[in-house]
Every structure is written in C-alpha cells, then in structure tokens.
C-alpha cells in the first residue's frame, strides 16, 4: 500500500483518527513523495532528500496514533523511538545510531517471516516425509552375526517388498493428513539452542558494538540435539518450522531488507521536544544538545555500521513529534531545525471531537467496552446524551487540571464502568442502558472534588 494516493492515505487515517487534517495531509504527501522519488530518473533520484516533518501539539491529540497507523498502512520499514531515551556519546544510555540498527533488525525479521511463509508449502512436504520416516522406519540391511565358529551367519529377517512398503507409507500418509494419528507420540531429535550465559556489563548493547556475540559463541560450542517426545501435530509443526528456516536464503533476505530500509525507511522520533534545551542553560541540558548534535548526521545522511553491514540514512524519512510546552522548535540547534522543513501544528481536542472519538473510529472506545462486556453475555447500550455528557466532563477536567487530550476518556470510562466490569460475571441482566443520569451519578462527585479528580480522573 506504499503507492497510495495522498487522498486515499488520508481516508485510511480517518477511519481511526478524528480531526487533525493538516497533519494527515502532510504525512500523506511525505509518503507519496517516497513513491514519486522511485519513479524519477536514476541520476536525479539520489539528489532528492526526504522532507522530514515535526508534528507539534499537546499530548493525547493523535501524534503517536498517526505514526502507529502509518506503520500498518504502509509497506515501508517503520520504527518508533522515544528521543528522550538517547544520551550524548560518553554518557550512560543508548546512542542515537541504535535507532537505525533497530529499524534494520525489525525489517530483516519481517522479511525473514515473509520468506518463510513463501516456502511453507515445501517445508510442510519435507516435514511430512520426515514424519513418515519416523512412523515407518526404513528397513536396515540384514545384519550379520558371528557364530561360535568364524563363519558369519545372517539373521533371517522378513522385510516387506518395496511395493508393500510404498503402499504402507501411502496409507500412513493418508491417515496423517486426515488427523487419525494426532494422538500418537513420536520421539525425534531437535536442535538444542540453549547456550552458556555470558553477562557483559556495558553502556551499549553488543549489537551496537557491531559484534554478534551470539553467533561468535555459538560457533565455539558443538551443536547439540536433544530427544523429545511430542504428539504428531506438534512434531510436524516443529519440523516444518525447522525446514522453513533452512530453505530461506538469509543473505538475500538481509540484502533486500537493507535496500528497503535505505530507500523507504521511516523513523518516528517521539518526544523530540525533550532533547531541546533553552539557550543559556547549563548542567544536565548539555547532554540534550549533545543528543541533537549526534542526531544531526543521521538525519542529514550518514553511514551507520550494523552487524549486517553498513546502512546509509540519506533517504530515511524522519517524523518528529512533541508537545513543545516549555520549549519551541526554534530551541533546537539551527542545523537540526533546517533538517525538519515541514512543521505541522495539531489542534487541541474539545467536546465535539471527544464525542466523535467515542463513537466513530473502527476501534472506538465505546465499541471496545461493549465487546468486552458481550463476552459475559451483557449488551451495554450508550444513549446519545450519555456520550455527550462523558465528552463534556472530559473537556471540563482537561481544562481544570492537566490537558491530556483523548487519554482523559480512558480514565473516565474506567471510573464509569468499574462496577459493571467487576460484577458482570454474576449479573442476571442481559441488557444495560447507560444514560446521562447514570453518568452524572457515577462521575459527578469525583469530578466536582478538584483534589479527587486530580488523582483519579
């Protein structure tokens, strides 16, 4: 779906995210530009840099949700990271290059799963033959034994003819496919993947040092197998999995995954405002500016060493987001500001948006609670005036305390339905209607008590 038109991308996002049309349009254009770049003549293709975006808005208005939905919508390699987790090189913590390594690792795993699915049929065929070999061992040649004298006397063994053996094998195959052998146990050898634990204390992960210690240590110890007794279906599943891994060409998978990351990877940098410090500050903020300086070459375009080889970041799209309550985008270092040319401000959410969030999206909050209670045989119906009252209370609490956007709806819904969710297994009612009066009775006392609402809602 990576070549969707911008209008189609917005339409898909509309199914899950209410409002924020400007942000949706910017993201849709940025995604479409990835496809357009691939159609440009090759000599010009490398000159077209991605137009990175900063989404600015308070918490709970949909910044992260836009990123999450994009990852499902597009076929591009996608990784979401918290900028506040990174520290300047020299401090204890993760360095910024690890975000590229994580993206490569995720993409390779995704490509590996797809490659295994492509060879699944062949893997099952091989696994089936292995299972039949277990169930019907091939006849060994007649062993010879020595008598009291020196002459060898062969055992007299009755072995089925090849035709008879083939017929028995086909009967077993038919029984296996029909599930008639599902309760039978088989013994077979599986690779023992356990290896000695080696703890290394370091402020960076082993993969971030460009060393794959698992592979290195794995080569030092002989490969061992262990015998397991399992039922036929489970054994077949394990055999098919083992065969699928063997059929996949990992060199090809790695090469394709790195090419995809370099050409159409997307990294979502959440909480980018947390690494922006006001001018003139000292102390811990030195590290913040250091993170920005470390981030700059990756956003500009550099080569990051991973355990799979070098990866270029020139054409990875970066989408930053932050509330920017206490700082402004202009507090970022000038070089980094210039690398995020598109700035989009997301709007705060009010009562009308909360009503729509509760009812319209495919994963609407009311639908989630109704589905949960339906598992107990209870149908919960929300009247329109009840939905409006929940939305009004959410806006009122947001205005009076901290504005956490749509996340306030989750706290209100939990308080509202707490008794029903607790008593549901023992309830005899099959239908519960929630109206405005019910909402007021449940939430009015907590809402009106400012101290309570600060801690509970």
Protein backbone atom coordinates (compact mmCIF):
# COMPACT_ATOMS: atom_id res chain seq x y z
CA UNK A 1 0.00 0.00 0.00
CA UNK A 2 3.06 2.27 -0.21
CA UNK A 3 1.90 3.80 -3.52
CA UNK A 4 -1.49 5.01 -2.25
CA UNK A 5 -2.63 8.45 -3.38
CA UNK A 6 -2.49 11.14 -0.65
CA UNK A 7 -6.30 11.34 -0.58
CA UNK A 8 -6.50 7.56 -0.05
CA UNK A 9 -3.93 7.71 2.76
CA UNK A 10 -5.98 10.43 4.50
CA UNK A 11 -9.15 8.39 4.03
CA UNK A 12 -7.49 5.37 5.70
CA UNK A 13 -6.25 7.51 8.60
CA UNK A 14 -9.76 8.99 9.00
CA UNK A 15 -11.04 5.53 9.96
CA UNK A 16 -9.05 5.65 13.20
CA UNK A 17 -8.09 9.29 13.90
CA UNK A 18 -10.56 12.15 14.37
CA UNK A 19 -9.64 15.60 13.03
CA UNK A 20 -6.01 16.75 12.56
CA UNK A 21 -6.50 17.15 8.79
CA UNK A 22 -3.32 19.23 8.32
CA UNK A 23 -1.14 16.59 9.95
CA UNK A 24 -2.74 13.82 7.91
CA UNK A 25 -2.21 15.75 4.68
CA UNK A 26 1.47 16.42 5.45
CA UNK A 27 2.16 12.80 6.29
CA UNK A 28 0.26 11.61 3.20
CA UNK A 29 2.29 13.91 0.92
CA UNK A 30 5.56 12.77 2.54
CA UNK A 31 4.63 9.12 1.97
CA UNK A 32 3.59 9.74 -1.63
CA UNK A 33 6.88 11.55 -2.25
CA UNK A 34 8.71 8.32 -1.38
CA UNK A 35 6.88 6.61 -4.25
CA UNK A 36 7.42 9.59 -6.60
CA UNK A 37 11.14 9.53 -5.92
CA UNK A 38 11.33 5.90 -7.05
CA UNK A 39 9.85 6.91 -10.43
CA UNK A 40 12.36 9.74 -11.04
CA UNK A 41 15.32 9.09 -13.43
CA UNK A 42 18.17 7.44 -11.55
CA UNK A 43 20.67 10.29 -11.92
CA UNK A 44 18.28 12.66 -10.10
CA UNK A 45 16.93 10.12 -7.59
CA UNK A 46 19.82 10.37 -5.13
CA UNK A 47 19.58 14.18 -5.11
CA UNK A 48 16.02 14.24 -3.78
CA UNK A 49 16.18 14.36 0.02
CA UNK A 50 13.18 13.35 2.16
CA UNK A 51 11.16 16.24 3.59
CA UNK A 52 11.21 15.49 7.31
CA UNK A 53 8.26 16.57 9.45
CA UNK A 54 7.75 17.83 13.02
CA UNK A 55 4.26 17.31 14.50
CA UNK A 56 3.61 19.88 17.23
CA UNK A 57 0.74 19.51 19.68
CA UNK A 58 -0.24 18.64 23.27
CA UNK A 59 -0.33 15.07 24.48
CA UNK A 60 -3.32 12.91 23.55
CA UNK A 61 -4.27 14.66 20.28
CA UNK A 62 -3.19 11.88 17.89
CA UNK A 63 0.51 12.38 17.07
CA UNK A 64 1.59 8.90 18.10
CA UNK A 65 -1.61 7.34 16.75
CA UNK A 66 -0.89 8.83 13.30
CA UNK A 67 2.56 7.19 13.40
CA UNK A 68 1.16 3.87 14.61
CA UNK A 69 -1.45 3.75 11.85
CA UNK A 70 1.14 4.73 9.25
CA UNK A 71 3.24 1.74 10.19
CA UNK A 72 0.29 -0.56 9.49
CA UNK A 73 -0.83 1.32 6.39
CA UNK A 74 2.45 1.50 4.51
CA UNK A 75 4.71 -1.33 3.50
CA UNK A 76 7.77 0.76 4.39
CA UNK A 77 10.13 -0.32 7.19
CA UNK A 78 8.94 1.62 10.25
CA UNK A 79 10.33 2.19 13.73
CA UNK A 80 9.06 4.38 16.58
CA UNK A 81 11.58 5.59 19.18
CA UNK A 82 11.47 7.93 22.16
CA UNK A 83 14.04 10.71 21.72
CA UNK A 84 14.29 11.07 25.50
CA UNK A 85 15.92 7.60 25.75
CA UNK A 86 19.05 8.73 23.95
CA UNK A 87 22.09 10.35 25.52
CA UNK A 88 25.17 12.01 24.16
CA UNK A 89 28.11 9.74 23.40
CA UNK A 90 30.10 9.44 26.63
CA UNK A 91 27.03 9.35 28.87
CA UNK A 92 25.45 6.11 30.06
CA UNK A 93 22.49 5.31 27.81
CA UNK A 94 21.57 4.48 24.25
CA UNK A 95 23.33 6.27 21.42
CA UNK A 96 21.29 7.62 18.52
CA UNK A 97 22.72 5.17 15.97
CA UNK A 98 20.83 2.36 17.71
CA UNK A 99 17.56 3.63 16.14
CA UNK A 100 18.90 2.69 12.69
CA UNK A 101 20.10 -0.69 13.97
CA UNK A 102 16.67 -1.35 15.48
CA UNK A 103 14.99 -0.45 12.17
CA UNK A 104 17.30 -2.82 10.26
CA UNK A 105 16.69 -5.62 12.78
CA UNK A 106 12.90 -5.20 12.60
CA UNK A 107 12.95 -5.14 8.80
CA UNK A 108 15.14 -8.24 8.50
CA UNK A 109 12.87 -10.14 10.90
CA UNK A 110 9.83 -9.06 8.90
CA UNK A 111 11.42 -10.11 5.59
CA UNK A 112 12.53 -13.41 7.14
CA UNK A 113 8.96 -14.21 8.25
CA UNK A 114 7.68 -13.44 4.73
CA UNK A 115 10.37 -15.60 3.15
CA UNK A 116 9.47 -18.48 5.47
CA UNK A 117 5.79 -18.10 4.55
CA UNK A 118 6.74 -18.33 0.85
CA UNK A 119 8.47 -21.69 1.37
CA UNK A 120 5.92 -23.01 3.87
CA UNK A 121 4.34 -25.48 1.43
CA UNK A 122 7.69 -27.01 0.55
CA UNK A 123 8.69 -27.09 4.22
CA UNK A 124 5.50 -28.98 5.10
CA UNK A 125 6.15 -31.53 2.36
CA UNK A 126 9.67 -32.19 3.68
CA UNK A 127 8.37 -32.31 7.27
CA UNK A 128 5.69 -34.81 6.22
CA UNK A 129 8.34 -37.10 4.67
CA UNK A 130 10.43 -36.86 7.85
CA UNK A 131 7.39 -37.75 9.93
CA UNK A 132 6.63 -40.77 7.75
CA UNK A 133 10.25 -41.89 8.16
CA UNK A 134 9.74 -41.74 11.93
CA UNK A 135 6.46 -43.62 11.83
CA UNK A 136 7.68 -46.19 9.31
CA UNK A 137 11.45 -46.64 9.64
CA UNK A 138 13.22 -47.86 6.55
CA UNK A 139 14.40 -51.46 6.76
CA UNK A 140 18.07 -51.86 7.58
CA UNK A 141 20.20 -54.32 5.62
CA UNK A 142 20.36 -57.77 7.17
CA UNK A 143 22.89 -57.60 9.99
CA UNK A 144 25.47 -60.34 10.30
CA UNK A 145 26.43 -62.14 13.49
CA UNK A 146 29.30 -64.42 14.25
CA UNK A 147 28.54 -67.95 15.31
CA UNK A 148 30.71 -69.98 17.62
CA UNK A 149 32.89 -70.67 14.65
CA UNK A 150 34.36 -67.98 12.50
CA UNK A 151 31.63 -68.10 9.84
CA UNK A 152 29.15 -65.22 9.66
CA UNK A 153 25.51 -66.27 9.84
CA UNK A 154 22.93 -63.73 8.66
CA UNK A 155 19.76 -63.20 10.66
CA UNK A 156 16.65 -64.36 8.90
CA UNK A 157 14.55 -61.18 8.75
CA UNK A 158 11.30 -60.86 6.86
CA UNK A 159 11.31 -57.47 5.12
CA UNK A 160 8.41 -56.12 3.11
CA UNK A 161 8.91 -55.70 -0.58
CA UNK A 162 9.34 -52.17 -1.95
CA UNK A 163 5.77 -52.20 -3.31
CA UNK A 164 4.37 -53.29 0.04
CA UNK A 165 6.45 -50.67 1.85
CA UNK A 166 5.30 -47.96 -0.56
CA UNK A 167 1.66 -48.98 -0.07
CA UNK A 168 2.02 -48.87 3.74
CA UNK A 169 3.70 -45.46 3.51
CA UNK A 170 0.85 -44.05 1.42
CA UNK A 171 -1.72 -45.43 3.87
CA UNK A 172 0.15 -43.75 6.71
CA UNK A 173 0.32 -40.52 4.71
CA UNK A 174 -3.46 -40.61 4.21
CA UNK A 175 -4.04 -41.26 7.94
CA UNK A 176 -1.63 -38.44 8.82
CA UNK A 177 -3.44 -35.92 6.61
CA UNK A 178 -6.86 -36.96 7.93
CA UNK A 179 -5.70 -36.46 11.53
CA UNK A 180 -6.03 -40.11 12.56
CA UNK A 181 -2.52 -40.09 14.04
CA UNK A 182 -2.94 -36.87 16.05
CA UNK A 183 -2.93 -38.67 19.42
CA UNK A 184 0.19 -40.71 18.69
CA UNK A 185 3.53 -39.70 20.22
CA UNK A 186 6.83 -39.71 18.38
CA UNK A 187 10.44 -39.33 19.53
CA UNK A 188 12.69 -37.11 17.46
CA UNK A 189 15.83 -35.02 17.80
CA UNK A 190 15.58 -31.24 17.91
CA UNK A 191 18.41 -28.72 17.96
CA UNK A 192 19.24 -27.59 21.48
CA UNK A 193 19.52 -23.81 21.19
CA UNK A 194 20.48 -23.22 24.79
CA UNK A 195 24.00 -21.95 25.30
CA UNK A 196 26.05 -20.76 28.26
CA UNK A 197 25.00 -17.35 29.56
CA UNK A 198 27.69 -14.69 29.36
CA UNK A 199 26.96 -11.36 31.02
CA UNK A 200 28.86 -8.33 29.76
CA UNK A 201 28.41 -5.04 31.59
CA UNK A 202 28.44 -2.18 29.12
CA UNK A 203 26.54 1.04 28.49
CA UNK A 204 25.72 -0.13 24.97
CA UNK A 205 24.27 -3.37 23.68
CA UNK A 206 26.51 -5.91 21.98
CA UNK A 207 24.79 -5.33 18.65
CA UNK A 208 25.64 -1.65 18.93
CA UNK A 209 29.33 -2.53 19.06
CA UNK A 210 28.91 -4.17 15.67
CA UNK A 211 29.59 -7.60 17.20
CA UNK A 212 27.20 -10.52 17.10
CA UNK A 213 28.29 -12.37 20.23
CA UNK A 214 25.58 -14.99 19.86
CA UNK A 215 26.97 -16.14 16.53
CA UNK A 216 30.55 -15.97 17.80
CA UNK A 217 29.88 -18.00 20.93
CA UNK A 218 27.55 -20.32 19.04
CA UNK A 219 30.48 -21.35 16.81
CA UNK A 220 32.67 -22.16 19.81
CA UNK A 221 30.38 -24.84 21.17
CA UNK A 222 29.40 -28.01 19.28
CA UNK A 223 25.82 -28.11 18.09
CA UNK A 224 23.86 -30.45 20.30
CA UNK A 225 20.49 -32.06 19.90
CA UNK A 226 18.05 -33.36 22.45
CA UNK A 227 15.41 -36.03 22.05
CA UNK A 228 11.83 -35.02 22.70
CA UNK A 229 8.59 -36.97 22.83
CA UNK A 230 5.66 -34.99 21.45
CA UNK A 231 2.38 -35.60 19.69
CA UNK A 232 2.41 -35.90 15.91
CA UNK A 233 0.80 -32.48 15.08
CA UNK A 234 3.26 -30.61 17.33
CA UNK A 235 6.20 -32.55 15.91
CA UNK A 236 5.06 -31.75 12.36
CA UNK A 237 4.83 -28.06 13.23
CA UNK A 238 8.33 -28.03 14.70
CA UNK A 239 9.77 -29.93 11.73
CA UNK A 240 8.10 -27.56 9.24
CA UNK A 241 9.47 -24.57 11.12
CA UNK A 242 12.96 -26.04 11.14
CA UNK A 243 12.79 -26.86 7.41
CA UNK A 244 11.44 -23.39 6.53
CA UNK A 245 14.41 -21.77 8.30
CA UNK A 246 16.77 -23.97 6.32
CA UNK A 247 15.09 -23.16 2.99
CA UNK A 248 15.35 -19.38 3.42
CA UNK A 249 18.34 -17.67 1.81
CA UNK A 250 19.32 -15.30 4.64
CA UNK A 251 21.96 -13.48 2.57
CA UNK A 252 19.27 -12.50 0.08
CA UNK A 253 16.85 -11.52 2.87
CA UNK A 254 19.46 -9.26 4.52
CA UNK A 255 20.39 -7.62 1.22
CA UNK A 256 16.74 -6.88 0.31
CA UNK A 257 15.92 -5.63 3.83
CA UNK A 258 18.86 -3.20 3.93
CA UNK A 259 17.95 -1.88 0.45
CA UNK A 260 14.35 -1.32 1.59
CA UNK A 261 15.47 0.45 4.77
CA UNK A 262 17.79 2.76 2.82
CA UNK A 263 15.21 3.65 0.17
CA UNK A 264 11.91 3.81 2.06
CA UNK A 265 12.55 3.51 5.81
CA UNK A 266 10.61 5.72 8.25
CA UNK A 267 11.73 6.58 11.80
CA UNK A 268 9.21 8.28 14.13
CA UNK A 269 11.04 10.35 16.76
CA UNK A 270 8.58 10.87 19.60
CA UNK A 271 9.15 13.46 22.35
CA UNK A 272 11.71 15.34 20.29
CA UNK A 273 10.99 18.42 22.43
CA UNK A 274 12.62 16.63 25.42
CA UNK A 275 16.06 16.97 23.81
CA UNK A 276 15.59 20.71 23.14
CA UNK A 277 17.05 22.96 25.85
CA UNK A 278 16.52 26.68 26.31
CA UNK A 279 19.50 28.80 25.37
CA UNK A 280 21.88 29.64 28.19
CA UNK A 281 21.09 26.66 30.41
CA UNK A 282 23.84 24.56 31.94
CA UNK A 283 24.15 21.24 33.74
CA UNK A 284 22.15 18.24 32.53
CA UNK A 285 20.94 20.14 29.44
CA UNK A 286 24.45 19.80 27.96
CA UNK A 287 23.54 16.19 27.20
CA UNK A 288 20.34 17.29 25.43
CA UNK A 289 22.26 19.45 22.99
CA UNK A 290 24.77 16.63 22.62
CA UNK A 291 21.96 14.27 21.56
CA UNK A 292 20.90 16.81 18.93
CA UNK A 293 24.47 17.01 17.62
CA UNK A 294 24.66 13.21 17.47
CA UNK A 295 21.27 13.07 15.76
CA UNK A 296 22.19 15.64 13.13
CA UNK A 297 24.45 13.47 10.91
CA UNK A 298 21.93 10.62 10.91
CA UNK A 299 19.12 12.96 9.79
CA UNK A 300 21.42 14.66 7.26
CA UNK A 301 22.58 11.34 5.86
CA UNK A 302 25.45 9.16 7.02
CA UNK A 303 26.53 5.52 7.10
CA UNK A 304 25.74 3.52 10.24
CA UNK A 305 27.58 0.27 10.89
CA UNK A 306 25.34 -2.63 11.87
CA UNK A 307 26.11 -6.30 12.38
CA UNK A 308 24.59 -6.89 8.92
CA UNK A 309 26.82 -4.33 7.21
CA UNK A 310 26.80 -0.56 6.57
CA UNK A 311 23.43 1.20 6.16
CA UNK A 312 23.03 4.65 4.58
CA UNK A 313 20.47 7.01 6.15
CA UNK A 314 20.35 9.60 3.34
CA UNK A 315 16.80 8.71 2.28
CA UNK A 316 15.21 7.59 5.55
CA UNK A 317 12.19 9.77 6.39
CA UNK A 318 12.21 11.20 9.94
CA UNK A 319 8.94 12.29 11.56
CA UNK A 320 9.46 14.12 14.86
CA UNK A 321 6.74 14.91 17.36
CA UNK A 322 6.49 16.77 20.63
CA UNK A 323 4.19 18.84 22.83
CA UNK A 324 6.64 21.80 22.92
CA UNK A 325 5.01 23.15 26.10
CA UNK A 326 8.11 24.69 27.67
CA UNK A 327 10.32 24.93 24.57
CA UNK A 328 9.82 25.86 20.92
CA UNK A 329 11.07 24.19 17.73
CA UNK A 330 13.42 27.17 17.44
CA UNK A 331 15.17 25.96 20.64
CA UNK A 332 16.57 23.04 18.67
CA UNK A 333 20.05 23.64 17.25
CA UNK A 334 19.75 25.55 13.93
CA UNK A 335 21.27 22.74 11.83
CA UNK A 336 18.68 20.25 13.11
CA UNK A 337 15.81 22.71 12.61
CA UNK A 338 16.80 23.01 8.96
CA UNK A 339 16.55 19.25 8.53
CA UNK A 340 12.84 19.30 9.51
CA UNK A 341 11.41 21.72 6.92
CA UNK A 342 7.75 20.77 7.43
CA UNK A 343 6.13 21.88 10.71
CA UNK A 344 2.53 20.93 11.44
CA UNK A 345 0.58 22.06 14.49
CA UNK A 346 -2.10 19.68 15.76
CA UNK A 347 -5.21 21.15 17.34
CA UNK A 348 -6.34 20.58 20.92
CA UNK A 349 -9.43 18.39 21.23
CA UNK A 350 -12.75 19.62 22.58
CA UNK A 351 -16.17 18.17 23.41
CA UNK A 352 -17.30 17.66 19.80
CA UNK A 353 -14.10 15.75 18.95
CA UNK A 354 -14.47 13.62 22.08
CA UNK A 355 -18.00 12.60 21.05
CA UNK A 356 -16.67 11.52 17.65
CA UNK A 357 -13.67 9.70 19.21
CA UNK A 358 -16.03 7.73 21.45
CA UNK A 359 -18.27 6.59 18.59
CA UNK A 360 -16.83 6.95 15.07
CA UNK A 361 -13.43 5.21 14.66
CA UNK A 362 -13.24 1.50 13.89
CA UNK A 363 -11.59 0.99 17.27
CA UNK A 364 -13.89 3.46 19.10
CA UNK A 365 -13.64 3.34 22.89
CA UNK A 366 -17.35 2.55 23.37
CA UNK A 367 -17.13 -0.36 20.90
CA UNK A 368 -14.20 -1.78 22.86
CA UNK A 369 -16.09 -1.80 26.16
CA UNK A 370 -19.25 -3.15 24.53
CA UNK A 371 -17.25 -6.02 23.00
CA UNK A 372 -15.56 -6.77 26.35
CA UNK A 373 -18.89 -6.99 28.22
CA UNK A 374 -20.50 -9.01 25.42
CA UNK A 375 -18.12 -11.83 26.38
CA UNK A 376 -20.06 -12.03 29.67
CA UNK A 377 -23.40 -12.11 27.83
CA UNK A 378 -24.24 -8.47 28.62
CA UNK A 379 -25.25 -5.93 25.98
CA UNK A 380 -24.36 -2.38 27.03
CA UNK A 381 -26.15 0.46 25.22
CA UNK A 382 -24.94 4.07 25.48
CA UNK A 383 -27.58 6.75 24.94
CA UNK A 384 -26.58 9.83 22.91
CA UNK A 385 -26.98 12.13 25.93
CA UNK A 386 -24.66 9.85 27.95
CA UNK A 387 -21.95 10.08 25.28
CA UNK A 388 -22.29 13.89 25.19
CA UNK A 389 -22.05 14.05 28.98
CA UNK A 390 -18.88 11.90 29.05
CA UNK A 391 -17.32 14.16 26.38
CA UNK A 392 -18.33 17.33 28.27
CA UNK A 393 -16.85 16.03 31.52
CA UNK A 394 -13.62 15.05 29.76
CA UNK A 395 -13.22 18.57 28.39
CA UNK A 396 -14.06 20.13 31.77
CA UNK A 397 -11.50 18.03 33.66
CA UNK A 398 -8.87 18.71 30.95
CA UNK A 399 -9.47 22.46 31.25
CA UNK A 400 -9.31 22.43 35.06
CA UNK A 401 -6.36 20.07 35.58
CA UNK A 402 -3.73 18.86 33.10
CA UNK A 403 -4.83 18.68 29.46
CA UNK A 404 -4.06 15.09 28.39
CA UNK A 405 -6.38 15.12 25.38
CA UNK A 406 -8.26 11.98 24.39
CA UNK A 407 -6.46 9.92 27.05
CA UNK A 408 -8.84 11.51 29.58
CA UNK A 409 -11.65 9.47 28.03
CA UNK A 410 -9.96 6.23 29.12
CA UNK A 411 -9.84 7.30 32.78
CA UNK A 412 -13.46 8.47 32.70
CA UNK A 413 -14.71 5.26 31.06
CA UNK A 414 -12.89 3.09 33.62
CA UNK A 415 -14.47 5.01 36.53
CA UNK A 416 -17.89 4.95 34.84
CA UNK A 417 -17.97 1.20 34.16
CA UNK A 418 -15.94 -0.05 37.12
CA UNK A 419 -18.93 -1.59 38.98
CA UNK A 420 -20.36 -3.22 35.84
CA UNK A 421 -16.98 -4.66 34.85
CA UNK A 422 -16.50 -6.06 38.37
CA UNK A 423 -20.00 -7.58 38.77
CA UNK A 424 -20.51 -8.67 35.13
CA UNK A 425 -19.90 -12.44 35.65
CA UNK A 426 -22.64 -12.58 38.34
CA UNK A 427 -25.18 -10.27 36.67
CA UNK A 428 -28.51 -11.66 35.50
CA UNK A 429 -29.36 -8.67 33.33
CA UNK A 430 -28.69 -9.19 29.64
CA UNK A 431 -29.03 -5.53 28.65
CA UNK A 432 -27.80 -2.40 30.45
CA UNK A 433 -28.63 1.09 29.21
CA UNK A 434 -26.34 3.93 30.22
CA UNK A 435 -27.93 7.39 30.04
CA UNK A 436 -26.98 10.90 31.16
CA UNK A 437 -28.36 10.38 34.70
CA UNK A 438 -26.20 7.25 35.18
CA UNK A 439 -23.09 9.14 34.05
CA UNK A 440 -23.79 12.06 36.39
CA UNK A 441 -24.42 9.74 39.35
CA UNK A 442 -21.17 7.85 38.83
CA UNK A 443 -18.83 10.72 37.99
CA UNK A 444 -20.28 13.94 39.47
CA UNK A 445 -18.81 13.50 42.97
CA UNK A 446 -15.30 12.76 41.68
CA UNK A 447 -15.46 15.48 39.01
CA UNK A 448 -16.64 18.20 41.42
CA UNK A 449 -13.99 17.38 44.03
CA UNK A 450 -10.91 19.02 42.49
CA UNK A 451 -8.40 17.09 44.63
CA UNK A 452 -10.07 13.75 43.82
CA UNK A 453 -10.28 14.49 40.10
CA UNK A 454 -6.56 15.34 40.02
CA UNK A 455 -5.68 11.90 41.38
CA UNK A 456 -8.44 9.71 39.89
CA UNK A 457 -9.51 11.29 36.61
